[in-house]
Amino acid sequence: MSKITPKQISYGGTFERSMDAKNRVTIPAGWLNGGPDEFHAIPHPSGDFLMVMPPEEFDSIETSIKQSGIPSDMQRKAIRQFYSQARAVSADSNGRVLLPDEQCDALKLKDDVVLVGGRSRFEIWNAKRWAAVSAADADSYSKVAEMIGL
C-alpha cells in the first residue's frame, strides 16, 4: 500500500490579519488547502518576526546546520537554541493557529499582524514593523531583480 504524502505548498503573498484576544490568527486558506495544518513556530534570531514552518522544513534545519561546515561546538549550540525556542502549533477547523504567549510578547505580536509568504515557510510580523521593513527592503529587491534580469 502506498503512503500518501501531503501536497507541497508554496507560501506566497502578504496577508493582513487581526489576532484575537487568545493570540489566534487565521492562516490563508490557500496555504492550508491540501497542505499541512501542523507547523513549528520559532522566533527569528533577529527578534523581528515569527518563522512558521511545516514539518519538512523544520526537520531540515538540523541537517543544514550539520552540513554547514561550522565548528561542531557552534553547531550544537545553534541546534539547541533553535529547537528550544520552537513550539508546535496547528490550525483548527477554522484555519486559525494559536500562537504561544511568550513568542507573541517577545515579538510584539498583538492585534494587527501581517503574514508574509517565504516559499517553504512563512513569517508573522507586527504590522507596523512589517511596514517599515518592507519599505526599507524595496530598494534591495529592485537591485537584485535587475541583477538577475527579472
C-alpha atoms as a PDB file:
ATOM      1  CA  MET A   1       0.000   0.000   0.000  1.00  0.00           C
ATOM      2  CA  SER A   2       1.420   3.411  -0.938  1.00  0.00           C
ATOM      3  CA  LYS A   3       1.789   6.150   1.609  1.00  0.00           C
ATOM      4  CA  ILE A   4       0.041   9.422   0.785  1.00  0.00           C
ATOM      5  CA  THR A   5       2.330  12.404   1.227  1.00  0.00           C
ATOM      6  CA  PRO A   6       0.956  15.877   1.886  1.00  0.00           C
ATOM      7  CA  LYS A   7       0.861  18.313  -1.007  1.00  0.00           C
ATOM      8  CA  GLN A   8       3.851  20.675  -1.103  1.00  0.00           C
ATOM      9  CA  ILE A   9       2.584  24.210  -0.603  1.00  0.00           C
ATOM     10  CA  SER A  10       4.436  27.295  -1.744  1.00  0.00           C
ATOM     11  CA  TYR A  11       3.703  30.101   0.693  1.00  0.00           C
ATOM     12  CA  GLY A  12       3.334  33.302  -1.297  1.00  0.00           C
ATOM     13  CA  GLY A  13       1.640  36.629  -0.769  1.00  0.00           C
ATOM     14  CA  THR A  14       1.155  39.076   2.061  1.00  0.00           C
ATOM     15  CA  PHE A  15      -1.954  38.942   4.223  1.00  0.00           C
ATOM     16  CA  GLU A  16      -3.036  41.431   6.861  1.00  0.00           C
ATOM     17  CA  ARG A  17      -4.767  39.797   9.798  1.00  0.00           C
ATOM     18  CA  SER A  18      -6.111  40.668  13.223  1.00  0.00           C
ATOM     19  CA  MET A  19      -5.178  38.434  16.120  1.00  0.00           C
ATOM     20  CA  ASP A  20      -7.927  37.703  18.599  1.00  0.00           C
ATOM     21  CA  ALA A  21      -7.589  38.001  22.374  1.00  0.00           C
ATOM     22  CA  LYS A  22      -6.361  34.385  22.586  1.00  0.00           C
ATOM     23  CA  ASN A  23      -3.471  35.019  20.123  1.00  0.00           C
ATOM     24  CA  ARG A  24      -5.161  33.166  17.281  1.00  0.00           C
ATOM     25  CA  VAL A  25      -4.504  34.235  13.715  1.00  0.00           C
ATOM     26  CA  THR A  26      -6.183  32.897  10.581  1.00  0.00           C
ATOM     27  CA  ILE A  27      -3.908  31.283   8.012  1.00  0.00           C
ATOM     28  CA  PRO A  28      -4.850  31.953   4.355  1.00  0.00           C
ATOM     29  CA  ALA A  29      -6.978  29.102   3.014  1.00  0.00           C
ATOM     30  CA  GLY A  30      -4.626  28.606   0.066  1.00  0.00           C
ATOM     31  CA  TRP A  31      -1.783  27.915   2.491  1.00  0.00           C
ATOM     32  CA  LEU A  32      -3.777  25.141   4.160  1.00  0.00           C
ATOM     33  CA  ASN A  33      -5.641  23.648   1.191  1.00  0.00           C
ATOM     34  CA  GLY A  34      -4.197  20.193   0.727  1.00  0.00           C
ATOM     35  CA  GLY A  35      -1.053  21.099   2.635  1.00  0.00           C
ATOM     36  CA  PRO A  36      -0.010  20.653   6.217  1.00  0.00           C
ATOM     37  CA  ASP A  37      -2.069  22.069   9.057  1.00  0.00           C
ATOM     38  CA  GLU A  38       0.641  21.471  11.642  1.00  0.00           C
ATOM     39  CA  PHE A  39       3.606  23.799  11.933  1.00  0.00           C
ATOM     40  CA  HIS A  40       6.501  24.850  14.124  1.00  0.00           C
ATOM     41  CA  ALA A  41       6.737  28.471  15.220  1.00  0.00           C
ATOM     42  CA  ILE A  42      10.196  29.837  16.019  1.00  0.00           C
ATOM     43  CA  PRO A  43      11.234  33.457  16.625  1.00  0.00           C
ATOM     44  CA  HIS A  44      13.743  34.586  14.012  1.00  0.00           C
ATOM     45  CA  PRO A  45      17.206  35.128  15.575  1.00  0.00           C
ATOM     46  CA  SER A  46      16.915  38.857  14.753  1.00  0.00           C
ATOM     47  CA  GLY A  47      13.881  39.077  17.026  1.00  0.00           C
ATOM     48  CA  ASP A  48      11.906  40.803  14.270  1.00  0.00           C
ATOM     49  CA  PHE A  49       9.321  38.159  13.345  1.00  0.00           C
ATOM     50  CA  LEU A  50       7.998  34.663  13.906  1.00  0.00           C
ATOM     51  CA  MET A  51       9.039  31.964  11.422  1.00  0.00           C
ATOM     52  CA  VAL A  52       6.356  29.336  10.810  1.00  0.00           C
ATOM     53  CA  MET A  53       7.468  26.103   9.160  1.00  0.00           C
ATOM     54  CA  PRO A  54       5.743  22.928   8.047  1.00  0.00           C
ATOM     55  CA  PRO A  55       7.301  19.733   9.440  1.00  0.00           C
ATOM     56  CA  GLU A  56       9.537  19.042   6.410  1.00  0.00           C
ATOM     57  CA  GLU A  57      11.147  22.477   6.551  1.00  0.00           C
ATOM     58  CA  PHE A  58      11.533  22.308  10.329  1.00  0.00           C
ATOM     59  CA  ASP A  59      13.160  18.862  10.129  1.00  0.00           C
ATOM     60  CA  SER A  60      15.665  20.080   7.525  1.00  0.00           C
ATOM     61  CA  ILE A  61      17.200  22.737   9.798  1.00  0.00           C
ATOM     62  CA  GLU A  62      19.385  20.350  11.803  1.00  0.00           C
ATOM     63  CA  THR A  63      20.756  18.847   8.586  1.00  0.00           C
ATOM     64  CA  SER A  64      21.507  22.320   7.227  1.00  0.00           C
ATOM     65  CA  ILE A  65      23.376  23.238  10.387  1.00  0.00           C
ATOM     66  CA  LYS A  66      25.356  19.982  10.414  1.00  0.00           C
ATOM     67  CA  GLN A  67      26.326  20.350   6.736  1.00  0.00           C
ATOM     68  CA  SER A  68      27.317  23.996   7.112  1.00  0.00           C
ATOM     69  CA  GLY A  69      30.972  23.433   7.986  1.00  0.00           C
ATOM     70  CA  ILE A  70      30.540  25.456  11.170  1.00  0.00           C
ATOM     71  CA  PRO A  71      32.626  24.118  14.106  1.00  0.00           C
ATOM     72  CA  SER A  72      30.832  21.337  15.989  1.00  0.00           C
ATOM     73  CA  ASP A  73      30.524  23.234  19.278  1.00  0.00           C
ATOM     74  CA  MET A  74      28.772  26.098  17.463  1.00  0.00           C
ATOM     75  CA  GLN A  75      26.542  23.596  15.635  1.00  0.00           C
ATOM     76  CA  ARG A  76      25.473  22.045  18.931  1.00  0.00           C
ATOM     77  CA  LYS A  77      24.683  25.454  20.429  1.00  0.00           C
ATOM     78  CA  ALA A  78      22.746  26.575  17.348  1.00  0.00           C
ATOM     79  CA  ILE A  79      20.713  23.363  17.271  1.00  0.00           C
ATOM     80  CA  ARG A  80      19.968  23.713  20.982  1.00  0.00           C
ATOM     81  CA  GLN A  81      18.852  27.339  20.626  1.00  0.00           C
ATOM     82  CA  PHE A  82      16.735  26.670  17.548  1.00  0.00           C
ATOM     83  CA  TYR A  83      14.872  23.672  18.927  1.00  0.00           C
ATOM     84  CA  SER A  84      14.469  25.092  22.432  1.00  0.00           C
ATOM     85  CA  GLN A  85      12.628  28.104  21.008  1.00  0.00           C
ATOM     86  CA  ALA A  86      10.364  26.095  18.693  1.00  0.00           C
ATOM     87  CA  ARG A  87       6.723  25.479  19.537  1.00  0.00           C
ATOM     88  CA  ALA A  88       4.333  23.133  17.752  1.00  0.00           C
ATOM     89  CA  VAL A  89       1.186  24.858  16.508  1.00  0.00           C
ATOM     90  CA  SER A  90      -1.683  23.581  14.393  1.00  0.00           C
ATOM     91  CA  ALA A  91      -4.595  25.064  12.506  1.00  0.00           C
ATOM     92  CA  ASP A  92      -8.054  24.465  13.931  1.00  0.00           C
ATOM     93  CA  SER A  93     -11.140  23.721  11.811  1.00  0.00           C
ATOM     94  CA  ASN A  94     -11.473  27.468  11.084  1.00  0.00           C
ATOM     95  CA  GLY A  95      -7.880  27.769   9.839  1.00  0.00           C
ATOM     96  CA  ARG A  96      -6.683  29.598  12.948  1.00  0.00           C
ATOM     97  CA  VAL A  97      -3.338  28.975  14.610  1.00  0.00           C
ATOM     98  CA  LEU A  98      -2.925  29.634  18.322  1.00  0.00           C
ATOM     99  CA  LEU A  99       0.416  31.393  18.825  1.00  0.00           C
ATOM    100  CA  PRO A 100       2.292  30.920  22.117  1.00  0.00           C
ATOM    101  CA  ASP A 101       2.024  33.827  24.548  1.00  0.00           C
ATOM    102  CA  GLU A 102       5.776  34.059  25.159  1.00  0.00           C
ATOM    103  CA  GLN A 103       6.514  34.359  21.436  1.00  0.00           C
ATOM    104  CA  CYS A 104       3.799  36.978  20.909  1.00  0.00           C
ATOM    105  CA  ASP A 105       5.056  39.009  23.856  1.00  0.00           C
ATOM    106  CA  ALA A 106       8.693  38.863  22.773  1.00  0.00           C
ATOM    107  CA  LEU A 107       7.914  39.843  19.165  1.00  0.00           C
ATOM    108  CA  LYS A 108       5.168  42.351  19.993  1.00  0.00           C
ATOM    109  CA  LEU A 109       2.605  40.364  18.012  1.00  0.00           C
ATOM    110  CA  LYS A 110      -0.766  41.695  19.048  1.00  0.00           C
ATOM    111  CA  ASP A 111      -3.862  42.963  17.264  1.00  0.00           C
ATOM    112  CA  ASP A 112      -2.714  43.715  13.682  1.00  0.00           C
ATOM    113  CA  VAL A 113      -0.190  41.332  12.148  1.00  0.00           C
ATOM    114  CA  VAL A 114       0.977  40.505   8.642  1.00  0.00           C
ATOM    115  CA  LEU A 115       1.566  37.005   7.295  1.00  0.00           C
ATOM    116  CA  VAL A 116       4.348  37.079   4.712  1.00  0.00           C
ATOM    117  CA  GLY A 117       4.985  34.191   2.341  1.00  0.00           C
ATOM    118  CA  GLY A 118       8.519  32.880   2.055  1.00  0.00           C
ATOM    119  CA  ARG A 119       8.052  29.908  -0.322  1.00  0.00           C
ATOM    120  CA  SER A 120       8.787  26.957   2.002  1.00  0.00           C
ATOM    121  CA  ARG A 121       7.792  28.783   5.195  1.00  0.00           C
ATOM    122  CA  PHE A 122       6.002  31.942   6.186  1.00  0.00           C
ATOM    123  CA  GLU A 123       6.542  34.754   8.643  1.00  0.00           C
ATOM    124  CA  ILE A 124       4.279  36.566  11.062  1.00  0.00           C
ATOM    125  CA  TRP A 125       5.182  40.214  11.645  1.00  0.00           C
ATOM    126  CA  ASN A 126       3.899  43.029  13.809  1.00  0.00           C
ATOM    127  CA  ALA A 127       2.067  45.153  11.196  1.00  0.00           C
ATOM    128  CA  LYS A 128       3.941  48.379  11.954  1.00  0.00           C
ATOM    129  CA  ARG A 129       7.321  46.654  11.963  1.00  0.00           C
ATOM    130  CA  TRP A 130       6.491  44.929   8.653  1.00  0.00           C
ATOM    131  CA  ALA A 131       5.537  48.244   7.006  1.00  0.00           C
ATOM    132  CA  ALA A 132       8.893  49.757   7.940  1.00  0.00           C
ATOM    133  CA  VAL A 133      10.952  46.704   6.913  1.00  0.00           C
ATOM    134  CA  SER A 134       9.051  46.217   3.664  1.00  0.00           C
ATOM    135  CA  ALA A 135       9.638  49.826   2.647  1.00  0.00           C
ATOM    136  CA  ALA A 136      13.329  49.610   3.574  1.00  0.00           C
ATOM    137  CA  ASP A 137      13.765  46.348   1.616  1.00  0.00           C
ATOM    138  CA  ALA A 138      12.171  47.626  -1.607  1.00  0.00           C
ATOM    139  CA  ASP A 139      15.418  49.143  -2.946  1.00  0.00           C
ATOM    140  CA  SER A 140      17.409  45.943  -2.324  1.00  0.00           C
ATOM    141  CA  TYR A 141      14.742  43.883  -4.055  1.00  0.00           C
ATOM    142  CA  SER A 142      14.771  46.192  -7.084  1.00  0.00           C
ATOM    143  CA  LYS A 143      18.566  45.928  -7.349  1.00  0.00           C
ATOM    144  CA  VAL A 144      18.574  42.124  -7.072  1.00  0.00           C
ATOM    145  CA  ALA A 145      15.724  41.840  -9.590  1.00  0.00           C
ATOM    146  CA  GLU A 146      17.667  43.954 -12.051  1.00  0.00           C
ATOM    147  CA  MET A 147      20.861  41.954 -11.481  1.00  0.00           C
ATOM    148  CA  ILE A 148      19.149  38.640 -12.261  1.00  0.00           C
ATOM    149  CA  GLY A 149      17.159  40.030 -15.191  1.00  0.00           C
ATOM    150  CA  LEU A 150      13.750  39.789 -13.588  1.00  0.00           C
END
